[in-house]
Amino acid sequence: MGVIVAKSVNEACALLAENPDTTVLAGGTDLMVQVNKGASSLENVVDLTRISELKGWTINDSEIVLGSGISYSDLSKPELASILPALAQASRTVGSPQIRNAGTLGGNLATASPAGDTIPVLVAMNAILKLRSSKGQREISVDEFVTGVKSNALHAGEIIESVRLPLLEGPQEFLKVGIRNAMVISVVSLALLVDDKGKSLRVGVGSVSPVPFRATEAEEFIAGEFDWENYSQLPEKVKSRFSKLVADSTKPIDDHRGTAEYRKHSVAVLAKRALERVCIRTES
């Protein structure tokens, strides 16, 4: 097996152009599991872990741009957690400290698992991905990028360079259910983000369909019921209606981590719990 450690995005793209079948290694936290199980084989590898330009982030006007190589640990740090609290919450739920140090945002996206913890947040935020190859670059929305269970829209020779997100004003929550309390793949996950300026609540849901998605009917309903001035708690019937709409939007399956019925029940509980939490405005 040949391994080349790329030192720049241009070098990585040039190497992939020479051999598009080369495997791209980011954090390796998903890839190496498959290799060790014998489900994937490696012949040639381009290692992106030494490319510093993939690890940074910048704020431009009303947006933040995250390098695809930024780790879960970095996303959890106060400077980013204060800007992207739901993404930080999701990152803290991923694996052990060692996994969070190695795993990357771009790797989570490229794996495209329905249980990917960051993806429901990115879907709720309408994230835009910049993809790069030796032929140039293109942008694609996250919901277009994740095309199915562990499948994505990357072309041969492309890598994810960055992720662009809006800077939202309002509280955010990420919740998930797993078969144990820590270091667990989600059975159900949900992100709820308040957009004060847009007067909308954004709901991203994971592990209950082939791809993470926005619960748009639930969003439309709750936007008209939400107390935009005081964030006061909503009537029980409103919270129940919202949680039911979220649950009804899902298409879960039975698997070794949970039944479809359990997933529908769990996502309704998470939706209601997240709504109750964002209804409490923190006093300054």
C-alpha atoms as a PDB file:
ATOM      1  CA  MET A   1       0.000   0.000   0.000  1.00  0.00           C
ATOM      2  CA  GLY A   2       1.341   3.410  -0.962  1.00  0.00           C
ATOM      3  CA  VAL A   3       0.636   6.376   1.309  1.00  0.00           C
ATOM      4  CA  ILE A   4       1.376   9.963   0.313  1.00  0.00           C
ATOM      5  CA  VAL A   5       1.050  12.727   2.896  1.00  0.00           C
ATOM      6  CA  ALA A   6      -0.184  15.798   1.012  1.00  0.00           C
ATOM      7  CA  LYS A   7       1.007  19.183   2.259  1.00  0.00           C
ATOM      8  CA  SER A   8      -1.498  21.360   0.390  1.00  0.00           C
ATOM      9  CA  VAL A   9      -4.920  21.157  -1.233  1.00  0.00           C
ATOM     10  CA  ASN A  10      -3.347  21.658  -4.661  1.00  0.00           C
ATOM     11  CA  GLU A  11      -0.966  18.772  -4.081  1.00  0.00           C
ATOM     12  CA  ALA A  12      -3.792  16.498  -2.921  1.00  0.00           C
ATOM     13  CA  CYS A  13      -5.883  17.366  -5.977  1.00  0.00           C
ATOM     14  CA  ALA A  14      -2.916  16.777  -8.317  1.00  0.00           C
ATOM     15  CA  LEU A  15      -2.275  13.369  -6.772  1.00  0.00           C
ATOM     16  CA  LEU A  16      -5.941  12.410  -7.127  1.00  0.00           C
ATOM     17  CA  ALA A  17      -5.952  13.587 -10.745  1.00  0.00           C
ATOM     18  CA  GLU A  18      -3.103  11.177 -11.495  1.00  0.00           C
ATOM     19  CA  ASN A  19      -4.979   8.295  -9.868  1.00  0.00           C
ATOM     20  CA  PRO A  20      -8.685   9.046  -9.154  1.00  0.00           C
ATOM     21  CA  ASP A  21      -9.113   5.647  -7.450  1.00  0.00           C
ATOM     22  CA  THR A  22      -6.775   6.672  -4.645  1.00  0.00           C
ATOM     23  CA  THR A  23      -8.441   6.595  -1.211  1.00  0.00           C
ATOM     24  CA  VAL A  24      -8.605   9.903   0.627  1.00  0.00           C
ATOM     25  CA  LEU A  25      -7.757   9.705   4.330  1.00  0.00           C
ATOM     26  CA  ALA A  26      -8.975  12.479   6.639  1.00  0.00           C
ATOM     27  CA  GLY A  27      -9.312  11.374  10.274  1.00  0.00           C
ATOM     28  CA  GLY A  28      -9.693   7.712   9.367  1.00  0.00           C
ATOM     29  CA  THR A  29     -12.164   7.079  12.189  1.00  0.00           C
ATOM     30  CA  ASP A  30     -14.783   5.636   9.819  1.00  0.00           C
ATOM     31  CA  LEU A  31     -12.504   4.376   7.050  1.00  0.00           C
ATOM     32  CA  MET A  32     -10.248   2.277   9.254  1.00  0.00           C
ATOM     33  CA  VAL A  33     -13.216   0.550  10.871  1.00  0.00           C
ATOM     34  CA  GLN A  34     -14.223  -0.672   7.417  1.00  0.00           C
ATOM     35  CA  VAL A  35     -10.650  -1.683   6.579  1.00  0.00           C
ATOM     36  CA  ASN A  36     -10.254  -3.624   9.809  1.00  0.00           C
ATOM     37  CA  LYS A  37     -13.550  -5.410   9.169  1.00  0.00           C
ATOM     38  CA  GLY A  38     -12.380  -6.358   5.696  1.00  0.00           C
ATOM     39  CA  ALA A  39     -15.165  -4.352   4.091  1.00  0.00           C
ATOM     40  CA  SER A  40     -12.709  -1.996   2.350  1.00  0.00           C
ATOM     41  CA  SER A  41      -9.250  -2.480   0.926  1.00  0.00           C
ATOM     42  CA  LEU A  42      -6.571   0.144   0.456  1.00  0.00           C
ATOM     43  CA  GLU A  43      -4.040   0.268  -2.366  1.00  0.00           C
ATOM     44  CA  ASN A  44      -3.088   3.933  -2.644  1.00  0.00           C
ATOM     45  CA  VAL A  45      -3.862   6.564  -0.001  1.00  0.00           C
ATOM     46  CA  VAL A  46      -3.612  10.356   0.075  1.00  0.00           C
ATOM     47  CA  ASP A  47      -3.407  11.578   3.655  1.00  0.00           C
ATOM     48  CA  LEU A  48      -4.966  15.045   4.208  1.00  0.00           C
ATOM     49  CA  THR A  49      -4.156  15.349   7.919  1.00  0.00           C
ATOM     50  CA  ARG A  50      -1.102  17.597   7.396  1.00  0.00           C
ATOM     51  CA  ILE A  51      -2.880  20.200   5.251  1.00  0.00           C
ATOM     52  CA  SER A  52      -3.138  23.227   7.534  1.00  0.00           C
ATOM     53  CA  GLU A  53      -5.421  25.185   5.179  1.00  0.00           C
ATOM     54  CA  LEU A  54      -8.157  22.586   5.749  1.00  0.00           C
ATOM     55  CA  LYS A  55      -8.098  23.065   9.523  1.00  0.00           C
ATOM     56  CA  GLY A  56      -8.947  26.767   9.824  1.00  0.00           C
ATOM     57  CA  TRP A  57     -12.123  28.827   9.841  1.00  0.00           C
ATOM     58  CA  THR A  58     -13.091  32.372   8.907  1.00  0.00           C
ATOM     59  CA  ILE A  59     -16.091  34.652   9.371  1.00  0.00           C
ATOM     60  CA  ASN A  60     -17.268  36.625   6.348  1.00  0.00           C
ATOM     61  CA  ASP A  61     -20.182  39.038   6.795  1.00  0.00           C
ATOM     62  CA  SER A  62     -23.098  36.852   7.865  1.00  0.00           C
ATOM     63  CA  GLU A  63     -21.394  33.505   7.250  1.00  0.00           C
ATOM     64  CA  ILE A  64     -18.736  31.270   8.717  1.00  0.00           C
ATOM     65  CA  VAL A  65     -16.528  29.040   6.589  1.00  0.00           C
ATOM     66  CA  LEU A  66     -15.097  25.908   8.196  1.00  0.00           C
ATOM     67  CA  GLY A  67     -12.216  23.965   6.701  1.00  0.00           C
ATOM     68  CA  SER A  68     -13.149  20.341   6.072  1.00  0.00           C
ATOM     69  CA  GLY A  69     -10.195  19.142   8.157  1.00  0.00           C
ATOM     70  CA  ILE A  70     -11.395  20.790  11.350  1.00  0.00           C
ATOM     71  CA  SER A  71     -11.748  18.201  14.094  1.00  0.00           C
ATOM     72  CA  TYR A  72     -14.637  17.470  16.426  1.00  0.00           C
ATOM     73  CA  SER A  73     -12.439  18.645  19.296  1.00  0.00           C
ATOM     74  CA  ASP A  74     -11.858  21.992  17.606  1.00  0.00           C
ATOM     75  CA  LEU A  75     -15.577  22.379  16.918  1.00  0.00           C
ATOM     76  CA  SER A  76     -16.204  21.840  20.633  1.00  0.00           C
ATOM     77  CA  LYS A  77     -13.859  24.614  21.787  1.00  0.00           C
ATOM     78  CA  PRO A  78     -15.441  27.775  23.247  1.00  0.00           C
ATOM     79  CA  GLU A  79     -14.555  30.107  20.371  1.00  0.00           C
ATOM     80  CA  LEU A  80     -16.508  28.013  17.863  1.00  0.00           C
ATOM     81  CA  ALA A  81     -19.065  26.654  20.324  1.00  0.00           C
ATOM     82  CA  SER A  82     -20.248  30.203  21.012  1.00  0.00           C
ATOM     83  CA  ILE A  83     -20.924  30.707  17.286  1.00  0.00           C
ATOM     84  CA  LEU A  84     -22.184  27.232  16.342  1.00  0.00           C
ATOM     85  CA  PRO A  85     -23.566  25.767  19.582  1.00  0.00           C
ATOM     86  CA  ALA A  86     -25.555  22.911  18.020  1.00  0.00           C
ATOM     87  CA  LEU A  87     -22.569  21.795  15.962  1.00  0.00           C
ATOM     88  CA  ALA A  88     -20.435  21.892  19.108  1.00  0.00           C
ATOM     89  CA  GLN A  89     -23.029  19.844  20.998  1.00  0.00           C
ATOM     90  CA  ALA A  90     -23.078  17.267  18.207  1.00  0.00           C
ATOM     91  CA  SER A  91     -19.277  17.123  18.117  1.00  0.00           C
ATOM     92  CA  ARG A  92     -19.070  16.458  21.849  1.00  0.00           C
ATOM     93  CA  THR A  93     -21.224  13.340  21.457  1.00  0.00           C
ATOM     94  CA  VAL A  94     -18.834  11.701  18.991  1.00  0.00           C
ATOM     95  CA  GLY A  95     -16.783   8.794  20.323  1.00  0.00           C
ATOM     96  CA  SER A  96     -13.890   9.093  22.746  1.00  0.00           C
ATOM     97  CA  PRO A  97     -11.490  12.049  23.123  1.00  0.00           C
ATOM     98  CA  GLN A  98      -9.078  10.259  20.794  1.00  0.00           C
ATOM     99  CA  ILE A  99     -11.768   9.896  18.124  1.00  0.00           C
ATOM    100  CA  ARG A 100     -12.816  13.537  18.530  1.00  0.00           C
ATOM    101  CA  ASN A 101      -9.195  14.629  18.100  1.00  0.00           C
ATOM    102  CA  ALA A 102      -8.817  12.627  14.883  1.00  0.00           C
ATOM    103  CA  GLY A 103     -12.258  12.749  13.275  1.00  0.00           C
ATOM    104  CA  THR A 104     -13.081  15.644  10.972  1.00  0.00           C
ATOM    105  CA  LEU A 105     -16.106  17.507   9.700  1.00  0.00           C
ATOM    106  CA  GLY A 106     -15.265  16.646   6.102  1.00  0.00           C
ATOM    107  CA  GLY A 107     -14.816  12.989   6.954  1.00  0.00           C
ATOM    108  CA  ASN A 108     -18.228  12.841   8.612  1.00  0.00           C
ATOM    109  CA  LEU A 109     -19.794  14.358   5.502  1.00  0.00           C
ATOM    110  CA  ALA A 110     -17.944  12.105   3.064  1.00  0.00           C
ATOM    111  CA  THR A 111     -18.957   8.991   5.000  1.00  0.00           C
ATOM    112  CA  ALA A 112     -22.575  10.143   4.534  1.00  0.00           C
ATOM    113  CA  SER A 113     -23.971   7.851   7.199  1.00  0.00           C
ATOM    114  CA  PRO A 114     -27.623   8.422   8.185  1.00  0.00           C
ATOM    115  CA  ALA A 115     -26.282   8.415  11.764  1.00  0.00           C
ATOM    116  CA  GLY A 116     -23.583  11.036  11.112  1.00  0.00           C
ATOM    117  CA  ASP A 117     -23.829  13.355  14.109  1.00  0.00           C
ATOM    118  CA  THR A 118     -22.883  16.653  12.461  1.00  0.00           C
ATOM    119  CA  ILE A 119     -25.059  16.196   9.374  1.00  0.00           C
ATOM    120  CA  PRO A 120     -28.494  16.993  10.897  1.00  0.00           C
ATOM    121  CA  VAL A 121     -27.047  20.297  12.130  1.00  0.00           C
ATOM    122  CA  LEU A 122     -25.534  21.060   8.720  1.00  0.00           C
ATOM    123  CA  VAL A 123     -28.809  20.163   6.999  1.00  0.00           C
ATOM    124  CA  ALA A 124     -30.746  22.458   9.339  1.00  0.00           C
ATOM    125  CA  MET A 125     -28.316  25.273   8.511  1.00  0.00           C
ATOM    126  CA  ASN A 126     -28.502  24.746   4.730  1.00  0.00           C
ATOM    127  CA  ALA A 127     -24.744  24.215   4.639  1.00  0.00           C
ATOM    128  CA  ILE A 128     -22.937  24.755   1.338  1.00  0.00           C
ATOM    129  CA  LEU A 129     -19.931  22.562   0.587  1.00  0.00           C
ATOM    130  CA  LYS A 130     -17.030  23.645  -1.597  1.00  0.00           C
ATOM    131  CA  LEU A 131     -15.599  20.705  -3.512  1.00  0.00           C
ATOM    132  CA  ARG A 132     -12.172  20.927  -5.110  1.00  0.00           C
ATOM    133  CA  SER A 133     -10.294  19.003  -7.770  1.00  0.00           C
ATOM    134  CA  SER A 134      -7.468  19.650 -10.216  1.00  0.00           C
ATOM    135  CA  LYS A 135     -10.144  20.818 -12.680  1.00  0.00           C
ATOM    136  CA  GLY A 136     -11.448  23.563 -10.401  1.00  0.00           C
ATOM    137  CA  GLN A 137     -14.066  23.916  -7.736  1.00  0.00           C
ATOM    138  CA  ARG A 138     -17.831  23.725  -7.351  1.00  0.00           C
ATOM    139  CA  GLU A 139     -20.374  24.312  -4.614  1.00  0.00           C
ATOM    140  CA  ILE A 140     -23.199  22.015  -3.586  1.00  0.00           C
ATOM    141  CA  SER A 141     -25.756  22.071  -0.784  1.00  0.00           C
ATOM    142  CA  VAL A 142     -25.445  19.427   1.907  1.00  0.00           C
ATOM    143  CA  ASP A 143     -28.823  17.883   1.072  1.00  0.00           C
ATOM    144  CA  GLU A 144     -27.670  17.436  -2.545  1.00  0.00           C
ATOM    145  CA  PHE A 145     -24.286  16.123  -1.424  1.00  0.00           C
ATOM    146  CA  VAL A 146     -25.575  13.254   0.736  1.00  0.00           C
ATOM    147  CA  THR A 147     -27.331  11.112  -1.861  1.00  0.00           C
ATOM    148  CA  GLY A 148     -28.099   7.936   0.094  1.00  0.00           C
ATOM    149  CA  VAL A 149     -26.892   5.576   2.784  1.00  0.00           C
ATOM    150  CA  LYS A 150     -23.119   6.101   2.833  1.00  0.00           C
ATOM    151  CA  SER A 151     -23.121   7.604  -0.656  1.00  0.00           C
ATOM    152  CA  ASN A 152     -22.280  11.138  -1.726  1.00  0.00           C
ATOM    153  CA  ALA A 153     -21.959  13.370  -4.772  1.00  0.00           C
ATOM    154  CA  LEU A 154     -18.161  13.553  -4.882  1.00  0.00           C
ATOM    155  CA  HIS A 155     -16.731  13.116  -8.367  1.00  0.00           C
ATOM    156  CA  ALA A 156     -13.552  11.147  -8.965  1.00  0.00           C
ATOM    157  CA  GLY A 157     -10.570  13.250  -7.910  1.00  0.00           C
ATOM    158  CA  GLU A 158     -12.587  15.631  -5.707  1.00  0.00           C
ATOM    159  CA  ILE A 159     -12.203  16.440  -2.040  1.00  0.00           C
ATOM    160  CA  ILE A 160     -14.346  18.516   0.318  1.00  0.00           C
ATOM    161  CA  GLU A 161     -12.438  21.748   0.886  1.00  0.00           C
ATOM    162  CA  SER A 162     -14.770  23.722   3.150  1.00  0.00           C
ATOM    163  CA  VAL A 163     -18.268  24.097   4.560  1.00  0.00           C
ATOM    164  CA  ARG A 164     -20.104  27.451   4.533  1.00  0.00           C
ATOM    165  CA  LEU A 165     -22.780  28.151   7.156  1.00  0.00           C
ATOM    166  CA  PRO A 166     -24.991  31.138   8.015  1.00  0.00           C
ATOM    167  CA  LEU A 167     -24.487  32.886  11.334  1.00  0.00           C
ATOM    168  CA  LEU A 168     -27.848  32.448  13.030  1.00  0.00           C
ATOM    169  CA  GLU A 169     -29.109  34.476  15.966  1.00  0.00           C
ATOM    170  CA  GLY A 170     -31.052  32.423  18.499  1.00  0.00           C
ATOM    171  CA  PRO A 171     -30.676  29.364  20.718  1.00  0.00           C
ATOM    172  CA  GLN A 172     -29.733  25.988  19.301  1.00  0.00           C
ATOM    173  CA  GLU A 173     -30.040  22.395  20.510  1.00  0.00           C
ATOM    174  CA  PHE A 174     -28.685  19.041  19.391  1.00  0.00           C
ATOM    175  CA  LEU A 175     -29.975  15.857  21.013  1.00  0.00           C
ATOM    176  CA  LYS A 176     -29.503  12.197  20.293  1.00  0.00           C
ATOM    177  CA  VAL A 177     -30.491   8.785  21.610  1.00  0.00           C
ATOM    178  CA  GLY A 178     -28.092   5.840  21.670  1.00  0.00           C
ATOM    179  CA  ILE A 179     -27.902   2.407  23.203  1.00  0.00           C
ATOM    180  CA  ARG A 180     -25.649   3.759  25.956  1.00  0.00           C
ATOM    181  CA  ASN A 181     -24.778   7.173  27.395  1.00  0.00           C
ATOM    182  CA  ALA A 182     -21.438   7.835  25.695  1.00  0.00           C
ATOM    183  CA  MET A 183     -19.299   6.886  22.681  1.00  0.00           C
ATOM    184  CA  VAL A 184     -22.291   5.623  20.759  1.00  0.00           C
ATOM    185  CA  ILE A 185     -23.750   5.673  17.249  1.00  0.00           C
ATOM    186  CA  SER A 186     -27.072   7.479  17.300  1.00  0.00           C
ATOM    187  CA  VAL A 187     -30.353   5.613  17.104  1.00  0.00           C
ATOM    188  CA  VAL A 188     -32.047   8.979  16.558  1.00  0.00           C
ATOM    189  CA  SER A 189     -30.639  12.514  16.418  1.00  0.00           C
ATOM    190  CA  LEU A 190     -32.221  15.934  16.072  1.00  0.00           C
ATOM    191  CA  ALA A 191     -31.018  19.514  15.713  1.00  0.00           C
ATOM    192  CA  LEU A 192     -33.299  22.478  16.429  1.00  0.00           C
ATOM    193  CA  LEU A 193     -32.026  25.952  15.557  1.00  0.00           C
ATOM    194  CA  VAL A 194     -33.827  29.240  16.064  1.00  0.00           C
ATOM    195  CA  ASP A 195     -33.342  31.872  13.365  1.00  0.00           C
ATOM    196  CA  ASP A 196     -34.474  35.135  14.956  1.00  0.00           C
ATOM    197  CA  LYS A 197     -33.951  37.233  11.838  1.00  0.00           C
ATOM    198  CA  GLY A 198     -35.716  34.809   9.545  1.00  0.00           C
ATOM    199  CA  LYS A 199     -38.456  34.109  12.128  1.00  0.00           C
ATOM    200  CA  SER A 200     -38.045  30.378  11.588  1.00  0.00           C
ATOM    201  CA  LEU A 201     -37.133  27.252  13.495  1.00  0.00           C
ATOM    202  CA  ARG A 202     -34.951  24.824  11.591  1.00  0.00           C
ATOM    203  CA  VAL A 203     -35.232  21.119  12.328  1.00  0.00           C
ATOM    204  CA  GLY A 204     -32.640  18.608  11.091  1.00  0.00           C
ATOM    205  CA  VAL A 205     -33.231  14.920  11.790  1.00  0.00           C
ATOM    206  CA  GLY A 206     -30.857  11.951  11.524  1.00  0.00           C
ATOM    207  CA  SER A 207     -30.934   8.143  11.757  1.00  0.00           C
ATOM    208  CA  VAL A 208     -34.625   7.944  10.812  1.00  0.00           C
ATOM    209  CA  SER A 209     -34.388   7.876   7.008  1.00  0.00           C
ATOM    210  CA  PRO A 210     -31.775   7.009   4.356  1.00  0.00           C
ATOM    211  CA  VAL A 211     -30.418  10.571   4.574  1.00  0.00           C
ATOM    212  CA  PRO A 212     -30.675  13.303   7.228  1.00  0.00           C
ATOM    213  CA  PHE A 213     -33.365  15.832   6.304  1.00  0.00           C
ATOM    214  CA  ARG A 214     -35.333  18.950   7.286  1.00  0.00           C
ATOM    215  CA  ALA A 215     -38.736  18.419   8.914  1.00  0.00           C
ATOM    216  CA  THR A 216     -40.271  21.240   6.885  1.00  0.00           C
ATOM    217  CA  GLU A 217     -43.943  20.706   7.781  1.00  0.00           C
ATOM    218  CA  ALA A 218     -43.078  20.843  11.471  1.00  0.00           C
ATOM    219  CA  GLU A 219     -40.968  23.960  10.842  1.00  0.00           C
ATOM    220  CA  GLU A 220     -43.827  25.752   9.109  1.00  0.00           C
ATOM    221  CA  PHE A 221     -46.242  24.899  11.888  1.00  0.00           C
ATOM    222  CA  ILE A 222     -44.067  25.967  14.804  1.00  0.00           C
ATOM    223  CA  ALA A 223     -42.910  29.225  13.175  1.00  0.00           C
ATOM    224  CA  GLY A 224     -46.478  30.496  13.445  1.00  0.00           C
ATOM    225  CA  GLU A 225     -46.869  29.428  17.068  1.00  0.00           C
ATOM    226  CA  PHE A 226     -43.494  30.525  18.467  1.00  0.00           C
ATOM    227  CA  ASP A 227     -43.252  33.509  20.831  1.00  0.00           C
ATOM    228  CA  TRP A 228     -40.618  35.566  19.022  1.00  0.00           C
ATOM    229  CA  GLU A 229     -40.594  38.350  21.603  1.00  0.00           C
ATOM    230  CA  ASN A 230     -40.183  36.488  24.885  1.00  0.00           C
ATOM    231  CA  TYR A 231     -39.475  32.843  23.980  1.00  0.00           C
ATOM    232  CA  SER A 232     -42.091  31.859  26.564  1.00  0.00           C
ATOM    233  CA  GLN A 233     -43.109  28.224  26.887  1.00  0.00           C
ATOM    234  CA  LEU A 234     -45.730  27.040  24.426  1.00  0.00           C
ATOM    235  CA  PRO A 235     -49.010  25.290  25.235  1.00  0.00           C
ATOM    236  CA  GLU A 236     -48.784  21.533  25.595  1.00  0.00           C
ATOM    237  CA  LYS A 237     -50.992  20.942  22.546  1.00  0.00           C
ATOM    238  CA  VAL A 238     -48.626  23.010  20.388  1.00  0.00           C
ATOM    239  CA  LYS A 239     -45.564  21.095  21.581  1.00  0.00           C
ATOM    240  CA  SER A 240     -47.331  17.789  21.044  1.00  0.00           C
ATOM    241  CA  ARG A 241     -48.437  18.780  17.539  1.00  0.00           C
ATOM    242  CA  PHE A 242     -44.895  19.861  16.661  1.00  0.00           C
ATOM    243  CA  SER A 243     -43.335  16.648  17.936  1.00  0.00           C
ATOM    244  CA  LYS A 244     -45.900  14.551  16.067  1.00  0.00           C
ATOM    245  CA  LEU A 245     -45.205  16.381  12.816  1.00  0.00           C
ATOM    246  CA  VAL A 246     -41.488  15.719  13.227  1.00  0.00           C
ATOM    247  CA  ALA A 247     -42.128  12.028  13.945  1.00  0.00           C
ATOM    248  CA  ASP A 248     -44.537  11.707  11.011  1.00  0.00           C
ATOM    249  CA  SER A 249     -41.896  13.069   8.644  1.00  0.00           C
ATOM    250  CA  THR A 250     -39.536  10.164   9.357  1.00  0.00           C
ATOM    251  CA  LYS A 251     -39.103   6.837   7.555  1.00  0.00           C
ATOM    252  CA  PRO A 252     -37.209   4.704  10.066  1.00  0.00           C
ATOM    253  CA  ILE A 253     -36.266   1.047   9.789  1.00  0.00           C
ATOM    254  CA  ASP A 254     -35.740  -1.819  12.197  1.00  0.00           C
ATOM    255  CA  ASP A 255     -32.093  -2.681  12.786  1.00  0.00           C
ATOM    256  CA  HIS A 256     -29.784  -3.980  15.512  1.00  0.00           C
ATOM    257  CA  ARG A 257     -29.830  -0.599  17.307  1.00  0.00           C
ATOM    258  CA  GLY A 258     -33.602  -0.119  17.477  1.00  0.00           C
ATOM    259  CA  THR A 259     -36.979  -0.680  15.898  1.00  0.00           C
ATOM    260  CA  ALA A 260     -38.782   1.729  13.597  1.00  0.00           C
ATOM    261  CA  GLU A 261     -41.472   2.183  16.245  1.00  0.00           C
ATOM    262  CA  TYR A 262     -38.891   3.065  18.889  1.00  0.00           C
ATOM    263  CA  ARG A 263     -37.226   5.549  16.558  1.00  0.00           C
ATOM    264  CA  LYS A 264     -40.504   7.328  15.820  1.00  0.00           C
ATOM    265  CA  HIS A 265     -41.273   7.574  19.523  1.00  0.00           C
ATOM    266  CA  SER A 266     -37.738   8.770  20.339  1.00  0.00           C
ATOM    267  CA  VAL A 267     -37.637  11.474  17.682  1.00  0.00           C
ATOM    268  CA  ALA A 268     -40.956  12.856  18.964  1.00  0.00           C
ATOM    269  CA  VAL A 269     -39.511  13.007  22.477  1.00  0.00           C
ATOM    270  CA  LEU A 270     -36.364  14.751  21.243  1.00  0.00           C
ATOM    271  CA  ALA A 271     -38.361  17.277  19.212  1.00  0.00           C
ATOM    272  CA  LYS A 272     -40.498  18.216  22.196  1.00  0.00           C
ATOM    273  CA  ARG A 273     -37.518  18.376  24.541  1.00  0.00           C
ATOM    274  CA  ALA A 274     -35.484  20.540  22.159  1.00  0.00           C
ATOM    275  CA  LEU A 275     -38.430  22.904  21.675  1.00  0.00           C
ATOM    276  CA  GLU A 276     -38.858  23.299  25.424  1.00  0.00           C
ATOM    277  CA  ARG A 277     -35.175  24.117  25.782  1.00  0.00           C
ATOM    278  CA  VAL A 278     -35.047  26.788  23.076  1.00  0.00           C
ATOM    279  CA  CYS A 279     -38.142  28.433  24.569  1.00  0.00           C
ATOM    280  CA  ILE A 280     -36.046  29.529  27.541  1.00  0.00           C
ATOM    281  CA  ARG A 281     -34.188  32.706  26.643  1.00  0.00           C
ATOM    282  CA  THR A 282     -30.973  33.067  28.641  1.00  0.00           C
ATOM    283  CA  GLU A 283     -30.862  36.398  30.429  1.00  0.00           C
ATOM    284  CA  SER A 284     -27.708  38.429  29.931  1.00  0.00           C
END
